[in-house]
């Protein structure tokens, strides 16, 4: 068995507990187009990537690329306004210290916003590389970004485990030949996470413990 010596962390919903801000920003998006108000439980059941499909499902109609670009900007403006209220997820610092190998961070949040936020929490030194989204509009799948992240690190997927909180994280890891542990405290209903077949942990500490066994 090949040892998994490198851990890639997801950021939103995993290391940072930002679900409440995400819900508020998402509801600002839906309100702007006469959509419904969603609860955290509904979001965790319905959330998916690409996010344009999530919006279309909740709104009950197609969302064009131009409309999504406008809604995505509205979301991120609202998210940024609430970011100061966010804290790290419970046990995040301890989980980072518990991994014996190297670690990196890959987020689908904008790179220019991610870097200062990670630095503000004092976490930068934990990571050999930090990558956020380079594009101006978000919402896509993680797999190509994970592939580019591992290429930049000169790592094959067989040496890597990803800890994230969405079905898309599991699919990205599988596409790159990496292992995956899913955290049940983030953006996705735990039953959906279990349906991926990846191991699911209730805490970040437990996620790292599982990752060490893969």
N, C-alpha and C. Protein backbone atom coordinates (compact mmCIF):
# COMPACT_ATOMS: atom_id res chain seq x y z
N UNK A 1 0.85 -1.20 0.00
CA UNK A 1 0.00 0.00 0.00
C UNK A 1 0.88 1.24 0.00
N UNK A 2 0.55 2.23 -0.84
CA UNK A 2 1.30 3.48 -0.89
C UNK A 2 0.87 4.39 0.25
N UNK A 3 1.85 4.91 0.98
CA UNK A 3 1.55 5.80 2.09
C UNK A 3 1.02 7.13 1.57
N UNK A 4 0.00 7.65 2.22
CA UNK A 4 -0.52 8.97 1.90
C UNK A 4 0.27 9.96 2.74
N UNK A 5 1.20 10.66 2.13
CA UNK A 5 2.11 11.50 2.91
C UNK A 5 1.78 12.98 2.84
N UNK A 6 0.84 13.35 1.97
CA UNK A 6 0.48 14.77 1.84
C UNK A 6 -1.02 14.93 2.02
N UNK A 7 -1.41 15.96 2.76
CA UNK A 7 -2.82 16.25 3.03
C UNK A 7 -3.19 17.57 2.40
N UNK A 8 -4.22 17.54 1.55
CA UNK A 8 -4.79 18.76 0.98
C UNK A 8 -6.07 19.10 1.73
N UNK A 9 -6.11 20.30 2.28
CA UNK A 9 -7.29 20.76 3.01
C UNK A 9 -8.18 21.61 2.11
N UNK A 10 -9.47 21.43 2.25
CA UNK A 10 -10.46 22.39 1.75
C UNK A 10 -10.56 23.51 2.76
N UNK A 11 -11.07 24.66 2.35
CA UNK A 11 -11.17 25.81 3.24
C UNK A 11 -12.61 26.07 3.69
N UNK A 12 -13.46 26.55 2.77
CA UNK A 12 -14.82 26.95 3.15
C UNK A 12 -15.64 25.75 3.61
N UNK A 13 -16.20 25.86 4.81
CA UNK A 13 -17.00 24.78 5.36
C UNK A 13 -16.19 23.68 6.01
N UNK A 14 -14.87 23.74 5.85
CA UNK A 14 -14.01 22.71 6.42
C UNK A 14 -13.14 23.33 7.52
N UNK A 15 -12.10 24.04 7.13
CA UNK A 15 -11.27 24.68 8.16
C UNK A 15 -11.92 25.94 8.73
N UNK A 16 -12.72 26.61 7.93
CA UNK A 16 -13.42 27.80 8.42
C UNK A 16 -14.91 27.50 8.52
N UNK A 17 -15.49 27.90 9.63
CA UNK A 17 -16.92 27.67 9.89
C UNK A 17 -17.69 28.87 9.37
N UNK A 18 -18.02 28.83 8.08
CA UNK A 18 -18.66 29.98 7.44
C UNK A 18 -20.04 29.66 6.89
N UNK A 19 -20.65 28.58 7.36
CA UNK A 19 -21.95 28.19 6.82
C UNK A 19 -22.99 29.28 7.00
N UNK A 20 -23.04 29.92 8.17
CA UNK A 20 -24.08 30.93 8.41
C UNK A 20 -23.92 32.11 7.46
N UNK A 21 -22.69 32.50 7.17
CA UNK A 21 -22.45 33.61 6.24
C UNK A 21 -22.80 33.19 4.82
N UNK A 22 -22.49 31.95 4.47
CA UNK A 22 -22.85 31.43 3.15
C UNK A 22 -24.38 31.42 2.98
N UNK A 23 -25.09 31.00 4.01
CA UNK A 23 -26.56 30.99 3.93
C UNK A 23 -27.10 32.41 3.74
N UNK A 24 -26.57 33.35 4.52
CA UNK A 24 -27.02 34.74 4.40
C UNK A 24 -26.74 35.30 3.01
N UNK A 25 -25.54 35.02 2.47
CA UNK A 25 -25.18 35.53 1.15
C UNK A 25 -26.02 34.85 0.07
N UNK A 26 -26.27 33.55 0.23
CA UNK A 26 -27.09 32.83 -0.75
C UNK A 26 -28.52 33.36 -0.75
N UNK A 27 -29.04 33.67 0.43
CA UNK A 27 -30.39 34.23 0.50
C UNK A 27 -30.44 35.63 -0.10
N UNK A 28 -29.36 36.38 0.00
CA UNK A 28 -29.30 37.69 -0.67
C UNK A 28 -29.39 37.51 -2.18
N UNK A 29 -28.73 36.46 -2.69
CA UNK A 29 -28.79 36.15 -4.12
C UNK A 29 -30.22 35.81 -4.52
N UNK A 30 -30.85 34.91 -3.78
CA UNK A 30 -32.19 34.48 -4.15
C UNK A 30 -33.20 35.63 -4.01
N UNK A 31 -33.04 36.45 -3.01
CA UNK A 31 -33.96 37.58 -2.82
C UNK A 31 -33.88 38.55 -4.00
N UNK A 32 -32.69 38.66 -4.59
CA UNK A 32 -32.50 39.61 -5.69
C UNK A 32 -33.27 39.22 -6.95
N UNK A 33 -33.66 37.95 -7.03
CA UNK A 33 -34.40 37.47 -8.21
C UNK A 33 -35.75 36.88 -7.81
N UNK A 34 -36.24 37.28 -6.64
CA UNK A 34 -37.56 36.83 -6.20
C UNK A 34 -37.64 35.38 -5.80
N UNK A 35 -36.50 34.80 -5.39
CA UNK A 35 -36.46 33.40 -5.01
C UNK A 35 -36.84 33.18 -3.56
N UNK A 36 -36.87 31.93 -3.12
CA UNK A 36 -37.26 31.60 -1.75
C UNK A 36 -36.13 31.85 -0.76
N UNK A 37 -36.50 31.89 0.50
CA UNK A 37 -35.53 31.92 1.59
C UNK A 37 -35.19 30.48 1.95
N UNK A 38 -33.91 30.15 2.03
CA UNK A 38 -33.51 28.80 2.39
C UNK A 38 -32.93 28.75 3.79
N UNK A 39 -33.08 27.61 4.43
CA UNK A 39 -32.49 27.38 5.75
C UNK A 39 -31.15 26.66 5.57
N UNK A 40 -30.41 26.58 6.67
CA UNK A 40 -29.14 25.86 6.63
C UNK A 40 -29.37 24.40 6.26
N UNK A 41 -30.43 23.79 6.79
CA UNK A 41 -30.72 22.39 6.50
C UNK A 41 -31.04 22.19 5.02
N UNK A 42 -31.81 23.11 4.45
CA UNK A 42 -32.11 23.02 3.03
C UNK A 42 -30.85 23.18 2.18
N UNK A 43 -30.02 24.12 2.56
CA UNK A 43 -28.77 24.34 1.82
C UNK A 43 -27.91 23.08 1.87
N UNK A 44 -27.81 22.47 3.01
CA UNK A 44 -26.94 21.29 3.13
C UNK A 44 -27.49 20.11 2.32
N UNK A 45 -28.81 20.06 2.12
CA UNK A 45 -29.39 19.02 1.29
C UNK A 45 -29.25 19.32 -0.20
N UNK A 46 -29.36 20.59 -0.58
CA UNK A 46 -29.45 20.96 -1.99
C UNK A 46 -28.13 21.40 -2.62
N UNK A 47 -27.15 21.80 -1.81
CA UNK A 47 -25.91 22.36 -2.36
C UNK A 47 -25.21 21.38 -3.28
N UNK A 48 -24.72 21.90 -4.40
CA UNK A 48 -23.98 21.08 -5.36
C UNK A 48 -23.15 22.00 -6.26
N UNK A 49 -22.18 21.41 -6.91
CA UNK A 49 -21.43 22.11 -7.95
C UNK A 49 -21.68 21.41 -9.28
N UNK A 50 -21.68 22.18 -10.38
CA UNK A 50 -21.50 23.63 -10.43
C UNK A 50 -22.66 24.37 -9.74
N UNK A 51 -22.33 25.47 -9.12
CA UNK A 51 -23.31 26.18 -8.30
C UNK A 51 -24.45 26.72 -9.14
N UNK A 52 -24.21 26.95 -10.42
CA UNK A 52 -25.31 27.39 -11.28
C UNK A 52 -26.44 26.36 -11.27
N UNK A 53 -26.13 25.09 -11.15
CA UNK A 53 -27.17 24.05 -11.08
C UNK A 53 -27.90 24.10 -9.75
N UNK A 54 -27.19 24.44 -8.69
CA UNK A 54 -27.83 24.62 -7.38
C UNK A 54 -28.83 25.77 -7.44
N UNK A 55 -28.40 26.90 -7.99
CA UNK A 55 -29.30 28.04 -8.11
C UNK A 55 -30.51 27.69 -8.96
N UNK A 56 -30.28 27.02 -10.08
CA UNK A 56 -31.39 26.67 -10.97
C UNK A 56 -32.39 25.74 -10.27
N UNK A 57 -31.88 24.82 -9.47
CA UNK A 57 -32.75 23.88 -8.77
C UNK A 57 -33.63 24.60 -7.76
N UNK A 58 -33.02 25.51 -6.99
CA UNK A 58 -33.79 26.23 -5.98
C UNK A 58 -34.77 27.20 -6.61
N UNK A 59 -34.34 27.87 -7.69
CA UNK A 59 -35.21 28.86 -8.34
C UNK A 59 -36.25 28.22 -9.25
N UNK A 60 -36.02 26.96 -9.61
CA UNK A 60 -36.98 26.26 -10.46
C UNK A 60 -36.98 26.71 -11.90
N UNK A 61 -35.83 27.21 -12.35
CA UNK A 61 -35.71 27.68 -13.73
C UNK A 61 -34.24 27.71 -14.13
N UNK A 62 -33.95 27.74 -15.42
CA UNK A 62 -32.54 27.84 -15.84
C UNK A 62 -31.93 29.18 -15.43
N UNK A 63 -30.64 29.16 -15.21
CA UNK A 63 -29.87 30.38 -14.91
C UNK A 63 -28.78 30.50 -15.97
N UNK A 64 -28.82 31.56 -16.74
CA UNK A 64 -27.85 31.73 -17.83
C UNK A 64 -26.47 32.08 -17.27
N UNK A 65 -25.46 31.96 -18.10
CA UNK A 65 -24.09 32.27 -17.67
C UNK A 65 -23.98 33.74 -17.27
N UNK A 66 -24.62 34.64 -18.02
CA UNK A 66 -24.55 36.06 -17.68
C UNK A 66 -25.24 36.35 -16.35
N UNK A 67 -26.41 35.71 -16.15
CA UNK A 67 -27.10 35.92 -14.87
C UNK A 67 -26.30 35.34 -13.72
N UNK A 68 -25.71 34.16 -13.94
CA UNK A 68 -24.92 33.57 -12.87
C UNK A 68 -23.73 34.45 -12.50
N UNK A 69 -23.07 35.03 -13.49
CA UNK A 69 -21.94 35.92 -13.20
C UNK A 69 -22.38 37.08 -12.31
N UNK A 70 -23.56 37.62 -12.59
CA UNK A 70 -24.07 38.72 -11.75
C UNK A 70 -24.42 38.23 -10.35
N UNK A 71 -25.05 37.07 -10.26
CA UNK A 71 -25.43 36.52 -8.97
C UNK A 71 -24.20 36.11 -8.17
N UNK A 72 -23.19 35.60 -8.85
CA UNK A 72 -21.97 35.19 -8.16
C UNK A 72 -21.28 36.40 -7.53
N UNK A 73 -21.25 37.52 -8.25
CA UNK A 73 -20.67 38.74 -7.67
C UNK A 73 -21.47 39.20 -6.46
N UNK A 74 -22.78 39.15 -6.57
CA UNK A 74 -23.63 39.53 -5.44
C UNK A 74 -23.36 38.63 -4.25
N UNK A 75 -23.24 37.33 -4.49
CA UNK A 75 -22.94 36.40 -3.40
C UNK A 75 -21.63 36.77 -2.72
N UNK A 76 -20.59 36.96 -3.50
CA UNK A 76 -19.28 37.21 -2.90
C UNK A 76 -19.20 38.57 -2.21
N UNK A 77 -19.92 39.55 -2.71
CA UNK A 77 -19.97 40.83 -2.01
C UNK A 77 -20.63 40.67 -0.64
N UNK A 78 -21.74 39.92 -0.61
CA UNK A 78 -22.44 39.68 0.66
C UNK A 78 -21.60 38.82 1.59
N UNK A 79 -20.93 37.81 1.03
CA UNK A 79 -20.06 36.95 1.83
C UNK A 79 -18.93 37.76 2.46
N UNK A 80 -18.30 38.60 1.67
CA UNK A 80 -17.18 39.41 2.17
C UNK A 80 -17.64 40.31 3.30
N UNK A 81 -18.87 40.83 3.20
CA UNK A 81 -19.40 41.72 4.23
C UNK A 81 -19.58 41.00 5.56
N UNK A 82 -19.83 39.68 5.50
CA UNK A 82 -20.05 38.92 6.73
C UNK A 82 -18.85 38.14 7.21
N UNK A 83 -17.76 38.20 6.45
CA UNK A 83 -16.60 37.35 6.74
C UNK A 83 -16.01 37.59 8.12
N UNK A 84 -16.06 38.83 8.60
CA UNK A 84 -15.45 39.16 9.89
C UNK A 84 -16.10 38.41 11.05
N UNK A 85 -17.30 37.88 10.85
CA UNK A 85 -17.98 37.15 11.93
C UNK A 85 -17.56 35.69 11.98
N UNK A 86 -16.80 35.22 11.00
CA UNK A 86 -16.46 33.80 10.91
C UNK A 86 -15.29 33.43 11.82
N UNK A 87 -15.34 32.22 12.32
CA UNK A 87 -14.25 31.65 13.10
C UNK A 87 -13.79 30.35 12.44
N UNK A 88 -12.65 29.86 12.86
CA UNK A 88 -12.22 28.55 12.41
C UNK A 88 -13.18 27.49 12.93
N UNK A 89 -13.28 26.40 12.21
CA UNK A 89 -14.10 25.28 12.68
C UNK A 89 -13.51 24.71 13.95
N UNK A 90 -14.36 24.10 14.77
CA UNK A 90 -13.91 23.52 16.04
C UNK A 90 -12.79 22.51 15.79
N UNK A 91 -11.70 22.67 16.51
CA UNK A 91 -10.60 21.72 16.41
C UNK A 91 -9.70 21.89 15.22
N UNK A 92 -9.87 22.98 14.46
CA UNK A 92 -9.08 23.15 13.24
C UNK A 92 -7.59 23.22 13.52
N UNK A 93 -7.20 24.03 14.49
CA UNK A 93 -5.77 24.18 14.77
C UNK A 93 -5.16 22.86 15.24
N UNK A 94 -5.87 22.15 16.08
CA UNK A 94 -5.36 20.87 16.56
C UNK A 94 -5.26 19.86 15.42
N UNK A 95 -6.24 19.87 14.52
CA UNK A 95 -6.22 18.94 13.39
C UNK A 95 -5.03 19.22 12.48
N UNK A 96 -4.74 20.49 12.25
CA UNK A 96 -3.58 20.84 11.43
C UNK A 96 -2.29 20.34 12.04
N UNK A 97 -2.21 20.40 13.34
CA UNK A 97 -0.98 19.95 14.02
C UNK A 97 -0.89 18.43 14.08
N UNK A 98 -1.99 17.74 13.87
CA UNK A 98 -2.02 16.28 14.05
C UNK A 98 -1.52 15.51 12.84
N UNK A 99 -1.43 16.16 11.69
CA UNK A 99 -1.00 15.45 10.48
C UNK A 99 0.53 15.38 10.46
N UNK A 100 1.11 14.19 10.27
CA UNK A 100 2.56 14.04 10.36
C UNK A 100 3.32 14.43 9.11
N UNK A 101 2.64 14.55 7.97
CA UNK A 101 3.32 14.87 6.72
C UNK A 101 3.16 16.32 6.33
N UNK A 102 3.33 16.59 5.03
CA UNK A 102 3.13 17.95 4.52
C UNK A 102 1.65 18.21 4.27
N UNK A 103 1.30 19.50 4.22
CA UNK A 103 -0.08 19.91 4.04
C UNK A 103 -0.15 21.10 3.09
N UNK A 104 -1.24 21.18 2.36
CA UNK A 104 -1.51 22.34 1.51
C UNK A 104 -2.99 22.68 1.60
N UNK A 105 -3.34 23.81 1.01
CA UNK A 105 -4.71 24.31 1.08
C UNK A 105 -5.20 24.62 -0.33
N UNK A 106 -6.37 24.09 -0.67
CA UNK A 106 -6.98 24.35 -1.97
C UNK A 106 -8.42 24.76 -1.76
N UNK A 107 -8.73 25.98 -2.16
CA UNK A 107 -10.07 26.52 -1.97
C UNK A 107 -10.67 26.92 -3.31
N UNK A 108 -11.99 26.86 -3.38
CA UNK A 108 -12.71 27.36 -4.55
C UNK A 108 -13.17 28.80 -4.33
N UNK A 109 -12.61 29.44 -3.32
CA UNK A 109 -12.81 30.88 -3.07
C UNK A 109 -11.71 31.64 -3.78
N UNK A 110 -11.91 32.89 -4.06
CA UNK A 110 -10.96 33.66 -4.84
C UNK A 110 -9.60 33.74 -4.15
N UNK A 111 -8.55 33.52 -4.92
CA UNK A 111 -7.19 33.46 -4.37
C UNK A 111 -6.81 34.76 -3.67
N UNK A 112 -7.18 35.89 -4.26
CA UNK A 112 -6.80 37.18 -3.69
C UNK A 112 -7.47 37.46 -2.35
N UNK A 113 -8.61 36.84 -2.10
CA UNK A 113 -9.30 36.97 -0.81
C UNK A 113 -8.84 35.90 0.17
N UNK A 114 -8.51 34.73 -0.36
CA UNK A 114 -8.12 33.61 0.49
C UNK A 114 -6.82 33.88 1.25
N UNK A 115 -5.80 34.33 0.54
CA UNK A 115 -4.47 34.47 1.15
C UNK A 115 -4.48 35.35 2.39
N UNK A 116 -5.04 36.57 2.34
CA UNK A 116 -5.02 37.40 3.55
C UNK A 116 -5.88 36.84 4.68
N UNK A 117 -6.93 36.10 4.32
CA UNK A 117 -7.78 35.52 5.37
C UNK A 117 -7.05 34.41 6.11
N UNK A 118 -6.38 33.54 5.36
CA UNK A 118 -5.59 32.47 5.99
C UNK A 118 -4.50 33.07 6.86
N UNK A 119 -3.87 34.13 6.37
CA UNK A 119 -2.82 34.80 7.13
C UNK A 119 -3.38 35.42 8.40
N UNK A 120 -4.58 36.02 8.30
CA UNK A 120 -5.19 36.67 9.46
C UNK A 120 -5.48 35.66 10.57
N UNK A 121 -5.76 34.41 10.21
CA UNK A 121 -5.99 33.37 11.20
C UNK A 121 -4.68 32.74 11.68
N UNK A 122 -3.56 33.17 11.13
CA UNK A 122 -2.26 32.67 11.56
C UNK A 122 -1.97 31.25 11.11
N UNK A 123 -2.50 30.85 9.95
CA UNK A 123 -2.37 29.46 9.51
C UNK A 123 -1.40 29.26 8.35
N UNK A 124 -0.92 30.33 7.77
CA UNK A 124 -0.14 30.23 6.54
C UNK A 124 1.03 29.27 6.66
N UNK A 125 1.70 29.28 7.79
CA UNK A 125 2.92 28.48 7.95
C UNK A 125 2.66 26.98 7.94
N UNK A 126 1.41 26.57 8.08
CA UNK A 126 1.10 25.14 8.07
C UNK A 126 1.19 24.54 6.65
N UNK A 127 1.13 25.39 5.63
CA UNK A 127 0.92 24.90 4.28
C UNK A 127 2.13 25.11 3.38
N UNK A 128 2.46 24.08 2.61
CA UNK A 128 3.52 24.21 1.62
C UNK A 128 3.04 24.96 0.38
N UNK A 129 1.74 24.99 0.17
CA UNK A 129 1.17 25.74 -0.95
C UNK A 129 -0.27 26.09 -0.61
N UNK A 130 -0.71 27.28 -1.04
CA UNK A 130 -2.09 27.72 -0.88
C UNK A 130 -2.59 28.17 -2.24
N UNK A 131 -3.67 27.57 -2.69
CA UNK A 131 -4.27 27.97 -3.97
C UNK A 131 -5.74 28.26 -3.78
N UNK A 132 -6.16 29.41 -4.26
CA UNK A 132 -7.57 29.74 -4.37
C UNK A 132 -7.95 29.82 -5.83
N UNK A 133 -9.16 30.24 -6.08
CA UNK A 133 -9.68 30.30 -7.44
C UNK A 133 -9.05 31.47 -8.18
N UNK A 134 -8.42 31.22 -9.35
CA UNK A 134 -7.81 32.31 -10.10
C UNK A 134 -8.79 33.09 -10.97
N UNK A 135 -9.97 32.53 -11.21
CA UNK A 135 -10.93 33.15 -12.13
C UNK A 135 -11.72 34.26 -11.45
N UNK A 136 -12.44 35.04 -12.26
CA UNK A 136 -13.25 36.14 -11.74
C UNK A 136 -14.65 35.69 -11.35
N UNK A 137 -15.07 34.51 -11.84
CA UNK A 137 -16.39 33.96 -11.51
C UNK A 137 -16.17 32.54 -10.99
N UNK A 138 -16.82 32.21 -9.88
CA UNK A 138 -16.63 30.90 -9.26
C UNK A 138 -17.73 29.93 -9.63
N UNK A 139 -17.82 28.89 -8.81
CA UNK A 139 -18.96 27.99 -8.93
C UNK A 139 -18.74 26.70 -9.65
N UNK A 140 -17.55 26.46 -10.22
CA UNK A 140 -17.33 25.25 -10.99
C UNK A 140 -16.87 24.08 -10.16
N UNK A 141 -16.48 23.00 -10.85
CA UNK A 141 -16.00 21.79 -10.18
C UNK A 141 -14.56 21.96 -9.70
N UNK A 142 -14.21 21.20 -8.66
CA UNK A 142 -12.88 21.30 -8.05
C UNK A 142 -11.83 20.45 -8.75
N UNK A 143 -12.24 19.41 -9.46
CA UNK A 143 -11.29 18.43 -9.98
C UNK A 143 -10.14 19.05 -10.79
N UNK A 144 -10.40 19.93 -11.76
CA UNK A 144 -9.27 20.48 -12.51
C UNK A 144 -8.35 21.34 -11.66
N UNK A 145 -8.90 21.98 -10.66
CA UNK A 145 -8.08 22.80 -9.76
C UNK A 145 -7.21 21.92 -8.85
N UNK A 146 -7.77 20.80 -8.42
CA UNK A 146 -6.97 19.87 -7.63
C UNK A 146 -5.84 19.29 -8.47
N UNK A 147 -6.13 18.95 -9.71
CA UNK A 147 -5.09 18.42 -10.59
C UNK A 147 -3.96 19.42 -10.77
N UNK A 148 -4.31 20.70 -10.97
CA UNK A 148 -3.29 21.73 -11.13
C UNK A 148 -2.52 21.95 -9.83
N UNK A 149 -3.21 21.89 -8.71
CA UNK A 149 -2.59 22.04 -7.39
C UNK A 149 -1.55 20.94 -7.16
N UNK A 150 -1.92 19.70 -7.44
CA UNK A 150 -0.99 18.59 -7.23
C UNK A 150 0.17 18.65 -8.22
N UNK A 151 -0.10 19.09 -9.44
CA UNK A 151 0.98 19.25 -10.42
C UNK A 151 2.00 20.28 -9.95
N UNK A 152 1.52 21.38 -9.39
CA UNK A 152 2.41 22.42 -8.89
C UNK A 152 3.25 21.91 -7.72
N UNK A 153 2.67 21.00 -6.94
CA UNK A 153 3.39 20.40 -5.81
C UNK A 153 4.25 19.22 -6.24
N UNK A 154 4.12 18.82 -7.50
CA UNK A 154 4.84 17.66 -8.04
C UNK A 154 4.51 16.39 -7.24
N UNK A 155 3.21 16.22 -7.01
CA UNK A 155 2.71 15.07 -6.26
C UNK A 155 1.73 14.26 -7.10
N UNK A 156 1.86 12.96 -7.05
CA UNK A 156 0.87 12.07 -7.65
C UNK A 156 -0.28 11.87 -6.68
N UNK A 157 -1.48 11.66 -7.22
CA UNK A 157 -2.64 11.47 -6.38
C UNK A 157 -2.51 10.34 -5.39
N UNK A 158 -1.77 9.30 -5.75
CA UNK A 158 -1.64 8.14 -4.86
C UNK A 158 -0.94 8.46 -3.55
N UNK A 159 -0.28 9.61 -3.49
CA UNK A 159 0.41 10.02 -2.26
C UNK A 159 -0.41 11.00 -1.42
N UNK A 160 -1.64 11.27 -1.85
CA UNK A 160 -2.38 12.42 -1.32
C UNK A 160 -3.72 11.98 -0.73
N UNK A 161 -4.13 12.66 0.33
CA UNK A 161 -5.49 12.56 0.84
C UNK A 161 -6.06 13.96 0.95
N UNK A 162 -7.31 14.13 0.58
CA UNK A 162 -8.01 15.40 0.65
C UNK A 162 -9.04 15.34 1.77
N UNK A 163 -9.11 16.38 2.57
CA UNK A 163 -10.19 16.52 3.55
C UNK A 163 -11.06 17.70 3.10
N UNK A 164 -12.34 17.41 2.85
CA UNK A 164 -13.28 18.44 2.44
C UNK A 164 -14.66 18.15 2.98
N UNK A 165 -15.64 18.92 2.52
CA UNK A 165 -16.99 18.80 3.11
C UNK A 165 -18.10 18.69 2.09
N UNK A 166 -17.74 18.40 0.83
CA UNK A 166 -18.78 18.31 -0.21
C UNK A 166 -18.60 17.06 -1.06
N UNK A 167 -19.65 16.70 -1.75
CA UNK A 167 -19.58 15.61 -2.73
C UNK A 167 -18.55 15.95 -3.80
N UNK A 168 -18.47 17.21 -4.18
CA UNK A 168 -17.51 17.63 -5.19
C UNK A 168 -16.07 17.38 -4.73
N UNK A 169 -15.79 17.50 -3.45
CA UNK A 169 -14.45 17.18 -2.93
C UNK A 169 -14.13 15.71 -3.17
N UNK A 170 -15.08 14.85 -2.88
CA UNK A 170 -14.87 13.41 -3.09
C UNK A 170 -14.66 13.11 -4.57
N UNK A 171 -15.44 13.74 -5.43
CA UNK A 171 -15.31 13.50 -6.86
C UNK A 171 -13.99 14.03 -7.39
N UNK A 172 -13.53 15.17 -6.87
CA UNK A 172 -12.24 15.73 -7.29
C UNK A 172 -11.10 14.81 -6.89
N UNK A 173 -11.15 14.30 -5.66
CA UNK A 173 -10.11 13.39 -5.20
C UNK A 173 -10.07 12.14 -6.06
N UNK A 174 -11.24 11.57 -6.34
CA UNK A 174 -11.31 10.35 -7.15
C UNK A 174 -10.75 10.59 -8.55
N UNK A 175 -11.05 11.74 -9.13
CA UNK A 175 -10.58 12.06 -10.47
C UNK A 175 -9.06 12.17 -10.54
N UNK A 176 -8.45 12.51 -9.41
CA UNK A 176 -7.00 12.69 -9.37
C UNK A 176 -6.27 11.50 -8.75
N UNK A 177 -7.01 10.45 -8.42
CA UNK A 177 -6.39 9.28 -7.82
C UNK A 177 -6.00 9.46 -6.37
N UNK A 178 -6.57 10.46 -5.72
CA UNK A 178 -6.28 10.73 -4.31
C UNK A 178 -7.34 10.09 -3.42
N UNK A 179 -6.99 9.89 -2.17
CA UNK A 179 -7.96 9.45 -1.17
C UNK A 179 -8.72 10.67 -0.65
N UNK A 180 -9.81 10.43 0.04
CA UNK A 180 -10.62 11.54 0.55
C UNK A 180 -11.29 11.15 1.85
N UNK A 181 -11.32 12.09 2.78
CA UNK A 181 -12.13 11.99 4.00
C UNK A 181 -13.06 13.20 4.00
N UNK A 182 -14.33 12.98 4.26
CA UNK A 182 -15.31 14.06 4.24
C UNK A 182 -15.73 14.44 5.65
N UNK A 183 -15.81 15.74 5.88
CA UNK A 183 -16.16 16.32 7.18
C UNK A 183 -17.65 16.64 7.20
N UNK A 184 -18.36 16.08 8.17
CA UNK A 184 -19.82 16.19 8.22
C UNK A 184 -20.31 17.52 8.78
N UNK A 185 -19.42 18.38 9.25
CA UNK A 185 -19.85 19.63 9.86
C UNK A 185 -19.90 20.81 8.92
N UNK A 186 -19.79 20.58 7.62
CA UNK A 186 -19.70 21.68 6.67
C UNK A 186 -20.96 21.94 5.88
N UNK A 187 -20.81 22.04 4.54
CA UNK A 187 -21.88 22.51 3.67
C UNK A 187 -22.88 21.43 3.23
N UNK A 188 -22.60 20.15 3.52
CA UNK A 188 -23.38 19.09 2.90
C UNK A 188 -23.99 18.16 3.92
N UNK A 189 -25.21 17.73 3.65
CA UNK A 189 -25.89 16.76 4.50
C UNK A 189 -25.06 15.48 4.61
N UNK A 190 -24.84 14.97 5.82
CA UNK A 190 -23.97 13.80 5.98
C UNK A 190 -24.39 12.58 5.18
N UNK A 191 -25.70 12.38 4.98
CA UNK A 191 -26.13 11.23 4.20
C UNK A 191 -25.65 11.31 2.76
N UNK A 192 -25.62 12.50 2.21
CA UNK A 192 -25.10 12.67 0.86
C UNK A 192 -23.59 12.37 0.84
N UNK A 193 -22.90 12.77 1.88
CA UNK A 193 -21.46 12.49 1.95
C UNK A 193 -21.21 10.99 2.02
N UNK A 194 -21.98 10.29 2.84
CA UNK A 194 -21.78 8.85 2.98
C UNK A 194 -22.07 8.12 1.67
N UNK A 195 -22.99 8.66 0.88
CA UNK A 195 -23.35 8.02 -0.38
C UNK A 195 -22.19 8.02 -1.38
N UNK A 196 -21.19 8.87 -1.17
CA UNK A 196 -20.03 8.88 -2.06
C UNK A 196 -19.14 7.65 -1.86
N UNK A 197 -19.26 7.01 -0.72
CA UNK A 197 -18.40 5.88 -0.39
C UNK A 197 -17.12 6.28 0.32
N UNK A 198 -16.85 7.58 0.40
CA UNK A 198 -15.67 8.06 1.14
C UNK A 198 -15.96 8.01 2.63
N UNK A 199 -14.92 7.81 3.46
CA UNK A 199 -15.15 7.86 4.90
C UNK A 199 -15.59 9.25 5.34
N UNK A 200 -16.49 9.29 6.31
CA UNK A 200 -17.05 10.55 6.81
C UNK A 200 -16.74 10.68 8.29
N UNK A 201 -16.28 11.86 8.68
CA UNK A 201 -15.91 12.13 10.07
C UNK A 201 -16.76 13.25 10.62
N UNK A 202 -17.11 13.15 11.89
CA UNK A 202 -17.93 14.17 12.54
C UNK A 202 -17.12 15.38 12.99
N UNK A 203 -15.82 15.19 13.20
CA UNK A 203 -14.95 16.28 13.63
C UNK A 203 -13.71 16.32 12.75
N UNK A 204 -13.02 17.45 12.78
CA UNK A 204 -11.79 17.56 11.99
C UNK A 204 -10.69 16.67 12.57
N UNK A 205 -10.66 16.53 13.88
CA UNK A 205 -9.69 15.63 14.48
C UNK A 205 -9.90 14.20 14.03
N UNK A 206 -11.14 13.78 13.99
CA UNK A 206 -11.46 12.43 13.51
C UNK A 206 -11.14 12.28 12.05
N UNK A 207 -11.31 13.36 11.27
CA UNK A 207 -10.99 13.31 9.83
C UNK A 207 -9.50 13.06 9.64
N UNK A 208 -8.66 13.74 10.40
CA UNK A 208 -7.22 13.53 10.28
C UNK A 208 -6.85 12.11 10.73
N UNK A 209 -7.49 11.67 11.81
CA UNK A 209 -7.21 10.30 12.28
C UNK A 209 -7.55 9.27 11.20
N UNK A 210 -8.67 9.46 10.51
CA UNK A 210 -9.03 8.58 9.41
C UNK A 210 -8.03 8.70 8.25
N UNK A 211 -7.65 9.93 7.95
CA UNK A 211 -6.71 10.17 6.84
C UNK A 211 -5.39 9.45 7.10
N UNK A 212 -4.99 9.36 8.35
CA UNK A 212 -3.71 8.71 8.69
C UNK A 212 -3.77 7.21 8.49
N UNK A 213 -4.98 6.65 8.39
CA UNK A 213 -5.11 5.21 8.21
C UNK A 213 -5.18 4.81 6.74
N UNK A 214 -5.31 5.77 5.84
CA UNK A 214 -5.52 5.45 4.42
C UNK A 214 -4.22 5.13 3.72
